[in-house]
């Protein structure tokens, strides 16, 4: 009898988990997990938006913003040799070919891309800025929703860096 009751409870818990997962998937597919595009993206006095106050972003300009979240967000800019125009064109080509990428804005010195996850349709915003006369591309990538991204933005930036450096 006790084993039958435990089996019933286990079955109910599994059923609830399955229904919850399906509801989350449906919400994502319906666009409920996209979040709102931040109004403060772009360049401000040659700087990208500060990293998030939580562990869901990376930024090559994080050192300008003290605090534990900025320490977590620190990464290096993309370095290059040669033409700035060629470097930005190469970056745009690499980023545009990545899964879930949608180039929103592309200028000679700035690139803004939205990355959308396949199943739940979460959106991360990535920005790249080439300061005049430099041989580096500053960057920022952040999740719109949530306090933790489990390293997704850092992994994406490192994949971009690997492809960028390989050319």
Foldseek 3Di string as FASTA:
>chain_A
DVVVVVVVVVVVVVVVVVVVVVVLLVCLVVPVQAADDDPQADDDPNDGDEADPFAFKAWCPLVVPDDDNSVNRHDHFQFADDDLQVLLVQLVVLQVPDAQWDWDDGDSFKTWIWRFDDRRRWIKIKMWGDPPPHRTIIIMIGTNDDRHDPCPNVVVVVVSSVSSVVD
